[in-house]
N, C-alpha and C. Protein backbone atom coordinates (compact mmCIF):
# COMPACT_ATOMS: atom_id res chain seq x y z
N MET A 1 0.96 -1.42 0.43
CA MET A 1 0.18 0.10 0.34
C MET A 1 0.80 1.30 0.04
N VAL A 2 0.85 2.28 -0.51
CA VAL A 2 1.60 3.75 -0.74
C VAL A 2 0.84 4.60 -0.02
N HIS A 3 1.53 5.48 0.83
CA HIS A 3 1.14 6.06 2.12
C HIS A 3 1.34 7.56 0.92
N SER A 4 0.22 8.47 1.76
CA SER A 4 0.52 9.53 0.32
C SER A 4 1.49 10.49 1.27
N SER A 5 2.05 10.21 2.70
CA SER A 5 2.56 10.66 3.16
C SER A 5 4.63 10.85 2.61
N ILE A 6 4.80 9.74 1.78
CA ILE A 6 5.87 9.39 1.58
C ILE A 6 5.90 10.42 0.10
N SER A 7 7.27 10.99 0.10
CA SER A 7 7.52 11.13 -1.48
C SER A 7 7.55 10.39 -2.55
N PRO A 8 6.57 11.10 -3.78
CA PRO A 8 7.08 10.33 -4.99
C PRO A 8 8.51 9.47 -4.98
N SER A 9 9.81 10.11 -4.87
CA SER A 9 10.57 9.76 -5.06
C SER A 9 11.57 8.63 -4.59
N PHE A 10 10.46 8.68 -3.02
CA PHE A 10 10.96 7.61 -2.00
C PHE A 10 10.27 6.84 -2.49
N ARG A 11 9.26 7.17 -2.65
CA ARG A 11 8.20 5.50 -3.26
C ARG A 11 9.19 4.74 -4.54
N CYS A 12 9.23 5.59 -5.53
CA CYS A 12 10.34 5.12 -6.43
C CYS A 12 11.30 4.18 -6.54
N LEU A 13 11.96 4.88 -5.22
CA LEU A 13 13.00 4.08 -4.17
C LEU A 13 12.61 2.36 -4.17
N LYS A 14 11.88 2.80 -3.31
CA LYS A 14 11.23 1.96 -2.33
C LYS A 14 10.90 0.75 -4.06
N ILE A 15 10.29 1.05 -4.16
CA ILE A 15 9.70 0.42 -5.64
C ILE A 15 10.67 -0.26 -6.63
N ALA A 16 11.87 0.03 -6.02
CA ALA A 16 12.62 -0.56 -7.57
C ALA A 16 13.38 -1.07 -6.48
N ARG A 17 13.62 -0.53 -5.06
CA ARG A 17 14.75 -1.79 -4.64
C ARG A 17 13.77 -2.85 -3.80
N TYR A 18 12.67 -2.93 -4.36
CA TYR A 18 11.73 -3.99 -3.89
C TYR A 18 11.82 -5.20 -5.15
N ILE A 19 12.12 -4.43 -6.54
CA ILE A 19 12.38 -5.29 -7.15
C ILE A 19 13.66 -5.66 -7.74
N SER A 20 14.51 -5.12 -7.54
CA SER A 20 15.82 -5.39 -7.60
C SER A 20 15.92 -6.81 -6.81
N LEU A 21 15.42 -6.29 -5.30
CA LEU A 21 15.79 -7.99 -3.98
C LEU A 21 14.89 -9.08 -4.67
N ASN A 22 13.87 -9.08 -5.40
CA ASN A 22 12.75 -9.59 -5.55
C ASN A 22 12.98 -10.36 -7.37
N LEU A 23 13.89 -9.89 -7.77
CA LEU A 23 13.72 -10.15 -9.45
C LEU A 23 14.01 -12.01 -9.51
N PHE A 24 14.64 -12.29 -8.74
CA PHE A 24 14.97 -13.75 -9.07
C PHE A 24 13.96 -14.24 -7.86
N ASN A 25 13.13 -14.35 -7.35
CA ASN A 25 12.49 -14.82 -6.84
C ASN A 25 10.98 -15.43 -7.40
N PRO A 26 10.46 -15.76 -7.79
CA PRO A 26 9.45 -16.05 -8.43
C PRO A 26 7.90 -16.02 -7.57
N SER A 27 8.24 -16.55 -6.37
CA SER A 27 7.60 -16.63 -5.76
C SER A 27 6.61 -16.09 -5.11
N ILE A 28 7.71 -14.41 -4.93
CA ILE A 28 7.00 -13.28 -4.43
C ILE A 28 6.09 -12.83 -5.05
N LEU A 29 4.37 -12.34 -5.10
CA LEU A 29 4.24 -11.81 -5.83
C LEU A 29 3.77 -10.09 -5.72
N VAL A 30 3.94 -9.65 -6.53
CA VAL A 30 4.00 -8.08 -6.61
C VAL A 30 2.96 -7.09 -6.07
N TRP A 31 2.52 -7.05 -5.41
CA TRP A 31 1.78 -5.89 -4.52
C TRP A 31 0.21 -7.14 -5.17
N GLY A 32 -0.72 -6.13 -5.17
CA GLY A 32 -1.78 -6.95 -5.72
C GLY A 32 -2.35 -6.19 -6.87
N CYS A 33 -2.21 -5.20 -7.39
CA CYS A 33 -2.27 -4.09 -8.34
C CYS A 33 -3.18 -5.24 -9.66
N SER A 34 -3.86 -4.84 -9.76
CA SER A 34 -4.98 -5.56 -11.12
C SER A 34 -5.28 -4.08 -12.30
N LEU A 35 -4.95 -3.49 -12.38
CA LEU A 35 -4.72 -2.11 -13.04
C LEU A 35 -4.94 -3.04 -14.78
N ALA A 36 -5.84 -2.70 -15.00
CA ALA A 36 -5.78 -3.47 -16.87
C ALA A 36 -5.02 -2.77 -17.55
N LEU A 37 -4.67 -3.44 -18.73
CA LEU A 37 -3.70 -3.12 -19.43
C LEU A 37 -4.48 -2.52 -20.88
N GLU A 38 -5.62 -2.14 -20.94
CA GLU A 38 -5.94 -1.14 -21.74
C GLU A 38 -5.43 0.22 -22.14
N PHE A 39 -5.05 0.65 -20.72
CA PHE A 39 -3.74 2.49 -20.93
C PHE A 39 -2.92 1.97 -22.02
N TYR A 40 -2.05 0.65 -21.56
CA TYR A 40 -1.06 1.22 -22.50
C TYR A 40 -0.72 0.87 -23.89
N THR A 41 -2.65 1.13 -24.97
CA THR A 41 -2.89 0.73 -25.94
C THR A 41 -3.20 2.52 -26.39
N LYS A 42 -3.09 3.27 -26.03
CA LYS A 42 -3.62 4.79 -26.24
C LYS A 42 -2.24 5.62 -26.44
N ARG A 43 -0.68 4.80 -26.50
CA ARG A 43 -0.22 5.45 -27.07
C ARG A 43 0.43 5.23 -28.43
N PRO A 44 1.21 5.90 -28.91
CA PRO A 44 1.55 5.64 -30.55
C PRO A 44 2.79 4.33 -30.44
N LEU A 45 2.84 3.41 -31.18
CA LEU A 45 3.27 2.52 -30.98
C LEU A 45 4.62 2.58 -32.19
N ILE A 46 6.42 2.71 -31.38
CA ILE A 46 7.23 2.60 -32.31
C ILE A 46 7.59 1.11 -32.99
N THR A 47 7.13 1.21 -34.47
CA THR A 47 7.47 -0.22 -35.63
C THR A 47 8.05 0.47 -36.37
N VAL A 48 9.16 -1.19 -36.87
CA VAL A 48 10.13 -0.51 -37.83
C VAL A 48 9.74 -1.71 -38.82
N SER A 49 10.27 -2.32 -39.78
CA SER A 49 9.48 -3.25 -40.52
C SER A 49 11.20 -4.59 -40.65
N PRO A 50 11.33 -5.40 -40.87
CA PRO A 50 11.96 -6.70 -40.58
C PRO A 50 13.33 -5.95 -41.41
N SER A 51 13.44 -5.37 -42.47
CA SER A 51 14.52 -4.92 -43.12
C SER A 51 15.22 -3.42 -42.84
N THR A 52 14.48 -2.66 -41.75
CA THR A 52 15.05 -1.65 -41.27
C THR A 52 16.43 -2.07 -40.56
N PRO A 53 17.48 -1.05 -41.14
CA PRO A 53 19.00 -0.77 -40.48
C PRO A 53 18.63 -0.54 -38.94
N ILE A 54 19.63 -1.60 -38.07
CA ILE A 54 20.11 -1.10 -37.16
C ILE A 54 19.81 0.57 -36.19
N ALA A 55 20.63 0.95 -37.38
CA ALA A 55 21.11 2.73 -36.85
C ALA A 55 19.40 3.57 -36.94
N GLU A 56 18.65 3.15 -38.10
CA GLU A 56 17.31 3.96 -38.39
C GLU A 56 16.43 3.53 -37.06
N ALA A 57 16.64 1.98 -36.36
CA ALA A 57 15.93 1.95 -35.22
C ALA A 57 16.07 2.58 -33.93
N VAL A 58 17.30 2.63 -34.25
CA VAL A 58 17.81 3.37 -32.53
C VAL A 58 17.64 4.77 -32.68
N LYS A 59 17.46 5.23 -33.95
CA LYS A 59 17.39 6.52 -34.49
C LYS A 59 15.95 6.78 -33.55
N LYS A 60 14.79 5.67 -33.90
CA LYS A 60 13.40 5.99 -34.01
C LYS A 60 13.79 6.02 -32.29
N MET A 61 14.49 5.17 -31.29
CA MET A 61 14.18 5.08 -29.90
C MET A 61 14.34 5.86 -29.66
N ALA A 62 15.80 6.73 -30.17
CA ALA A 62 15.82 7.54 -29.33
C ALA A 62 15.13 8.74 -29.60
N SER A 63 14.29 9.66 -31.10
CA SER A 63 13.74 10.79 -30.41
C SER A 63 12.56 10.17 -29.90
N ALA A 64 12.02 9.14 -30.08
CA ALA A 64 10.83 8.96 -28.80
C ALA A 64 11.08 8.71 -27.42
N ASN A 65 12.41 9.09 -27.41
CA ASN A 65 12.76 8.39 -26.12
C ASN A 65 12.06 7.15 -25.36
N VAL A 66 12.05 5.65 -26.26
CA VAL A 66 11.57 4.45 -25.56
C VAL A 66 13.04 3.45 -25.78
N GLY A 67 12.88 2.41 -25.06
CA GLY A 67 14.14 1.68 -24.88
C GLY A 67 13.76 0.36 -25.97
N SER A 68 12.79 0.12 -26.89
CA SER A 68 12.70 -0.34 -27.26
C SER A 68 11.99 -0.49 -28.60
N VAL A 69 12.08 -0.99 -30.17
CA VAL A 69 10.81 -0.30 -31.00
C VAL A 69 10.23 -1.97 -31.58
N LEU A 70 9.16 -2.20 -31.97
CA LEU A 70 8.26 -3.14 -32.51
C LEU A 70 8.74 -3.55 -33.52
N VAL A 71 8.61 -5.06 -34.14
CA VAL A 71 9.54 -5.34 -35.67
C VAL A 71 7.92 -5.67 -35.91
N VAL A 72 7.20 -5.31 -36.92
CA VAL A 72 6.40 -6.25 -37.43
C VAL A 72 6.34 -6.03 -39.11
N ASP A 73 5.93 -7.29 -39.70
CA ASP A 73 5.72 -7.53 -41.28
C ASP A 73 4.81 -6.78 -41.65
N ASP A 74 4.84 -6.88 -43.28
CA ASP A 74 4.16 -6.65 -43.91
C ASP A 74 2.46 -6.59 -43.45
N ASP A 75 2.09 -7.42 -42.72
CA ASP A 75 0.70 -7.50 -42.07
C ASP A 75 0.41 -7.13 -40.51
N SER A 76 1.52 -6.27 -40.64
CA SER A 76 1.57 -5.53 -39.20
C SER A 76 1.49 -6.90 -37.96
N LYS A 77 1.62 -7.48 -38.50
CA LYS A 77 2.08 -8.63 -37.46
C LYS A 77 3.37 -8.92 -36.68
N LEU A 78 3.30 -8.54 -34.97
CA LEU A 78 4.85 -8.56 -34.40
C LEU A 78 5.50 -10.21 -34.58
N VAL A 79 6.82 -9.45 -35.64
CA VAL A 79 7.83 -10.67 -35.41
C VAL A 79 9.00 -10.58 -34.84
N GLY A 80 8.97 -9.32 -34.03
CA GLY A 80 10.36 -9.28 -32.72
C GLY A 80 10.29 -7.79 -32.76
N ILE A 81 11.38 -8.25 -31.22
CA ILE A 81 11.29 -6.61 -30.69
C ILE A 81 12.70 -6.49 -30.70
N PHE A 82 13.46 -5.25 -30.68
CA PHE A 82 14.82 -5.00 -30.50
C PHE A 82 14.90 -3.65 -29.49
N THR A 83 15.45 -4.44 -28.60
CA THR A 83 15.61 -3.43 -26.82
C THR A 83 17.16 -2.87 -27.08
N GLU A 84 17.15 -1.99 -25.78
CA GLU A 84 18.47 -1.71 -25.51
C GLU A 84 19.73 -2.63 -25.46
N ARG A 85 18.98 -3.37 -24.68
CA ARG A 85 19.71 -4.89 -24.45
C ARG A 85 20.56 -5.06 -25.92
N ASP A 86 19.56 -5.49 -26.94
CA ASP A 86 20.03 -5.88 -28.37
C ASP A 86 20.92 -4.61 -28.47
N LEU A 87 21.14 -3.70 -28.39
CA LEU A 87 21.73 -2.84 -29.47
C LEU A 87 23.29 -3.03 -28.50
N VAL A 88 23.33 -2.87 -26.99
CA VAL A 88 24.31 -3.22 -26.67
C VAL A 88 25.22 -4.78 -27.12
N ARG A 89 24.55 -5.72 -27.07
CA ARG A 89 24.99 -6.81 -27.73
C ARG A 89 25.62 -6.67 -29.01
N VAL A 90 25.11 -6.30 -29.94
CA VAL A 90 25.38 -5.63 -31.14
C VAL A 90 26.55 -4.98 -31.28
N VAL A 91 26.35 -3.61 -30.53
CA VAL A 91 28.06 -3.36 -30.33
C VAL A 91 29.25 -4.02 -29.41
N ALA A 92 28.87 -4.67 -29.01
CA ALA A 92 30.09 -5.39 -28.25
C ALA A 92 30.32 -6.68 -29.26
N GLN A 93 29.42 -6.88 -30.32
CA GLN A 93 29.89 -8.19 -31.34
C GLN A 93 30.18 -7.02 -32.55
N GLY A 94 30.36 -5.86 -32.15
CA GLY A 94 30.77 -5.18 -33.54
C GLY A 94 30.07 -5.37 -34.74
N ILE A 95 28.77 -5.53 -34.64
CA ILE A 95 27.79 -5.66 -35.73
C ILE A 95 27.99 -4.79 -36.63
N ASP A 96 27.75 -4.32 -37.84
CA ASP A 96 27.34 -3.39 -38.45
C ASP A 96 26.17 -2.45 -38.30
N LEU A 97 25.84 -1.18 -37.94
CA LEU A 97 24.48 -0.55 -37.70
C LEU A 97 23.82 -1.10 -38.90
N GLY A 98 24.36 -0.84 -39.98
CA GLY A 98 23.33 -1.17 -41.46
C GLY A 98 22.99 -2.06 -41.46
N THR A 99 23.36 -3.31 -40.84
CA THR A 99 22.50 -5.25 -40.81
C THR A 99 21.04 -4.57 -40.47
N PRO A 100 20.25 -5.12 -41.52
CA PRO A 100 18.65 -5.69 -40.87
C PRO A 100 18.48 -5.97 -39.71
N ILE A 101 17.35 -4.94 -38.69
CA ILE A 101 17.16 -5.58 -37.81
C ILE A 101 16.87 -7.01 -37.29
N GLU A 102 16.19 -7.28 -38.68
CA GLU A 102 16.00 -9.06 -38.53
C GLU A 102 16.85 -10.00 -38.05
N LYS A 103 18.31 -9.48 -38.55
CA LYS A 103 19.13 -10.75 -38.45
C LYS A 103 19.57 -10.16 -36.23
N VAL A 104 19.13 -9.36 -35.62
CA VAL A 104 19.67 -8.88 -34.53
C VAL A 104 18.61 -8.88 -33.21
N MET A 105 17.03 -8.81 -33.94
CA MET A 105 16.14 -8.90 -33.01
C MET A 105 15.76 -10.15 -32.64
N THR A 106 15.10 -9.76 -31.17
CA THR A 106 14.52 -10.98 -30.38
C THR A 106 13.45 -11.22 -31.01
N ARG A 107 13.40 -12.53 -31.12
CA ARG A 107 12.45 -13.51 -31.55
C ARG A 107 11.28 -14.53 -30.96
N ASN A 108 11.69 -14.73 -29.97
CA ASN A 108 11.04 -15.97 -28.85
C ASN A 108 10.37 -14.71 -28.20
N LEU A 109 9.69 -14.36 -28.55
CA LEU A 109 8.95 -12.94 -27.67
C LEU A 109 7.58 -13.29 -26.62
N ILE A 110 7.69 -12.83 -25.45
CA ILE A 110 6.73 -12.72 -24.44
C ILE A 110 6.11 -11.80 -24.82
N VAL A 111 4.60 -11.96 -25.12
CA VAL A 111 3.51 -10.87 -25.18
C VAL A 111 2.89 -11.04 -23.56
N LEU A 112 1.69 -10.17 -24.08
CA LEU A 112 0.83 -9.82 -22.90
C LEU A 112 -0.41 -9.57 -24.21
N THR A 113 -1.77 -9.46 -23.34
CA THR A 113 -2.96 -9.73 -24.01
C THR A 113 -3.65 -8.64 -23.34
N PRO A 114 -4.61 -8.23 -23.93
CA PRO A 114 -5.92 -7.03 -23.03
C PRO A 114 -6.55 -7.96 -22.58
N ASP A 115 -6.62 -9.31 -22.31
CA ASP A 115 -7.47 -9.59 -20.57
C ASP A 115 -6.51 -9.56 -19.21
N GLU A 116 -5.44 -9.72 -19.99
CA GLU A 116 -4.08 -9.27 -18.47
C GLU A 116 -3.94 -8.27 -17.72
N ASN A 117 -3.35 -7.71 -16.58
CA ASN A 117 -3.68 -6.80 -15.91
C ASN A 117 -1.89 -6.64 -15.54
N ILE A 118 -1.53 -5.34 -15.39
CA ILE A 118 -0.31 -5.21 -14.69
C ILE A 118 0.38 -5.79 -13.60
N ASN A 119 -0.10 -6.45 -13.23
CA ASN A 119 0.61 -7.44 -11.97
C ASN A 119 1.21 -8.54 -13.16
N SER A 120 0.21 -8.88 -14.01
CA SER A 120 0.73 -10.14 -15.03
C SER A 120 1.82 -9.43 -15.25
N ALA A 121 2.20 -8.47 -15.77
CA ALA A 121 3.14 -7.60 -16.56
C ALA A 121 4.56 -8.26 -16.07
N VAL A 122 4.27 -7.51 -14.70
CA VAL A 122 5.44 -7.44 -13.47
C VAL A 122 5.52 -8.80 -13.41
N ARG A 123 4.88 -9.80 -13.58
CA ARG A 123 4.98 -11.17 -12.80
C ARG A 123 6.05 -12.01 -14.56
N LYS A 124 5.48 -11.69 -15.12
CA LYS A 124 6.49 -11.73 -16.74
C LYS A 124 7.68 -11.63 -17.23
N MET A 125 7.72 -9.89 -16.47
CA MET A 125 9.01 -9.61 -16.32
C MET A 125 10.05 -10.28 -15.58
N ILE A 126 9.88 -10.15 -14.53
CA ILE A 126 10.34 -10.85 -13.21
C ILE A 126 10.90 -12.22 -13.98
N ASP A 127 9.89 -13.46 -13.63
CA ASP A 127 10.06 -14.55 -14.43
C ASP A 127 11.05 -14.85 -15.95
N HIS A 128 11.35 -13.99 -17.16
CA HIS A 128 11.75 -13.91 -18.03
C HIS A 128 13.06 -12.58 -17.94
N GLY A 129 13.19 -11.74 -16.80
CA GLY A 129 13.99 -11.08 -16.97
C GLY A 129 14.23 -10.13 -17.85
N ILE A 130 13.42 -9.49 -18.65
CA ILE A 130 12.63 -8.46 -19.25
C ILE A 130 12.69 -7.23 -18.81
N ARG A 131 12.66 -6.43 -19.35
CA ARG A 131 12.04 -5.02 -19.30
C ARG A 131 10.74 -4.27 -20.57
N HIS A 132 10.46 -4.92 -21.41
CA HIS A 132 9.55 -4.13 -22.23
C HIS A 132 8.62 -5.90 -22.55
N ILE A 133 7.45 -5.68 -22.82
CA ILE A 133 6.49 -7.03 -23.05
C ILE A 133 5.55 -6.54 -24.31
N PRO A 134 5.72 -6.40 -25.46
CA PRO A 134 4.56 -6.29 -26.14
C PRO A 134 3.06 -6.49 -26.03
N LEU A 135 2.02 -5.75 -26.12
CA LEU A 135 0.79 -6.14 -25.51
C LEU A 135 0.48 -6.37 -27.44
N VAL A 136 -0.50 -7.65 -27.75
CA VAL A 136 -1.36 -7.95 -28.81
C VAL A 136 -2.39 -8.49 -28.80
N ASP A 137 -3.28 -8.01 -29.70
CA ASP A 137 -4.65 -8.85 -29.83
C ASP A 137 -4.56 -10.14 -30.57
N LYS A 138 -5.82 -10.17 -30.84
CA LYS A 138 -6.17 -11.98 -31.22
C LYS A 138 -5.07 -12.22 -32.40
N THR A 139 -5.24 -11.19 -33.08
CA THR A 139 -4.11 -11.86 -34.34
C THR A 139 -2.56 -11.64 -34.58
N GLY A 140 -1.97 -11.25 -33.20
CA GLY A 140 -0.74 -11.27 -32.77
C GLY A 140 -0.72 -10.22 -33.51
N ARG A 141 -1.12 -8.43 -33.71
CA ARG A 141 -0.83 -7.84 -34.29
C ARG A 141 -0.47 -6.84 -32.86
N PRO A 142 0.36 -5.91 -32.34
CA PRO A 142 1.08 -5.05 -31.42
C PRO A 142 -0.33 -3.94 -31.46
N ILE A 143 -0.67 -4.10 -29.97
CA ILE A 143 -1.30 -2.67 -30.05
C ILE A 143 -1.10 -2.00 -28.61
N GLY A 144 -0.17 -2.31 -28.11
CA GLY A 144 0.98 -1.70 -26.82
C GLY A 144 2.20 -2.02 -26.72
N ILE A 145 2.57 -1.34 -25.41
CA ILE A 145 3.92 -2.30 -25.15
C ILE A 145 4.29 -1.91 -23.53
N VAL A 146 4.14 -2.35 -22.91
CA VAL A 146 4.17 -2.44 -21.11
C VAL A 146 5.96 -2.28 -20.71
N SER A 147 6.53 -1.35 -19.84
CA SER A 147 7.80 -1.36 -19.76
C SER A 147 7.73 -1.17 -18.71
N ILE A 148 9.11 -1.45 -18.00
CA ILE A 148 9.53 -1.51 -15.81
C ILE A 148 9.24 -0.16 -16.05
N ARG A 149 9.75 1.40 -16.81
CA ARG A 149 9.30 2.26 -16.76
C ARG A 149 7.71 2.73 -16.28
N ASP A 150 6.89 2.10 -16.62
CA ASP A 150 5.53 1.87 -17.03
C ASP A 150 5.14 1.57 -15.53
N VAL A 151 5.60 0.48 -15.25
CA VAL A 151 5.24 -0.54 -14.50
C VAL A 151 5.45 0.66 -12.80
N LEU A 152 6.99 1.26 -12.93
CA LEU A 152 6.95 1.57 -12.16
C LEU A 152 6.44 2.84 -11.53
N ARG A 153 6.15 4.15 -12.95
CA ARG A 153 5.00 4.94 -12.64
C ARG A 153 3.45 4.60 -12.37
N THR A 154 3.09 2.98 -12.62
CA THR A 154 2.01 2.93 -11.88
C THR A 154 1.74 2.51 -10.92
N TYR A 155 2.67 2.08 -9.84
CA TYR A 155 3.14 1.76 -8.57
C TYR A 155 3.45 2.99 -7.64
N VAL A 156 3.88 3.88 -8.54
CA VAL A 156 4.03 5.28 -7.90
C VAL A 156 3.20 6.01 -7.36
N ALA A 157 2.15 6.12 -8.44
CA ALA A 157 1.19 6.67 -8.80
C ALA A 157 -0.21 5.70 -7.84
N GLY A 158 0.22 4.32 -6.82
CA GLY A 158 -0.28 4.07 -6.19
C GLY A 158 -1.62 2.94 -7.04
N CYS A 159 -1.00 2.35 -7.96
CA CYS A 159 -1.58 1.51 -8.40
C CYS A 159 -2.92 1.89 -9.35
N SER A 160 -2.71 3.49 -10.28
CA SER A 160 -3.31 3.61 -11.05
C SER A 160 -2.30 4.25 -12.27
N PRO A 161 -3.26 4.25 -13.53
CA PRO A 161 -2.26 4.56 -14.51
C PRO A 161 -1.47 5.75 -14.33
N PRO A 162 -0.80 5.93 -14.42
CA PRO A 162 0.56 6.92 -14.70
C PRO A 162 0.07 8.03 -15.52
């Protein structure tokens, strides 16, 4: 439970500490927040095609101030995600930034569906050690994305949309 006498920055630190201490303990439930994921479908999605060069995808991420881009095919179906962690791997391996994103994107996706809630998102983040989870519709098309930043803002806001 969030107390109003605690400053938002202190609450954020406590939440971040809680998550970091319990990141590898899947038996711990993260609060009891049941906020629906519908809120996360209202923002514009940052997407690229599989043939997009890595450098172009990174520029999109930087201009939108986000940590990931969704990779979609010609039918707008989700085929991958490229995150800051993927970029670190690309740079460490010396991969040319002109390489198509499909060569370096994450393909084995963990996704959320509209019938799940924010607590489900947190559970998947903890279980799989990830910080970005696409929200997809029944056809596999992305309709939103939930990031660890979103989760922290939600809990700091007292389990309401940030």
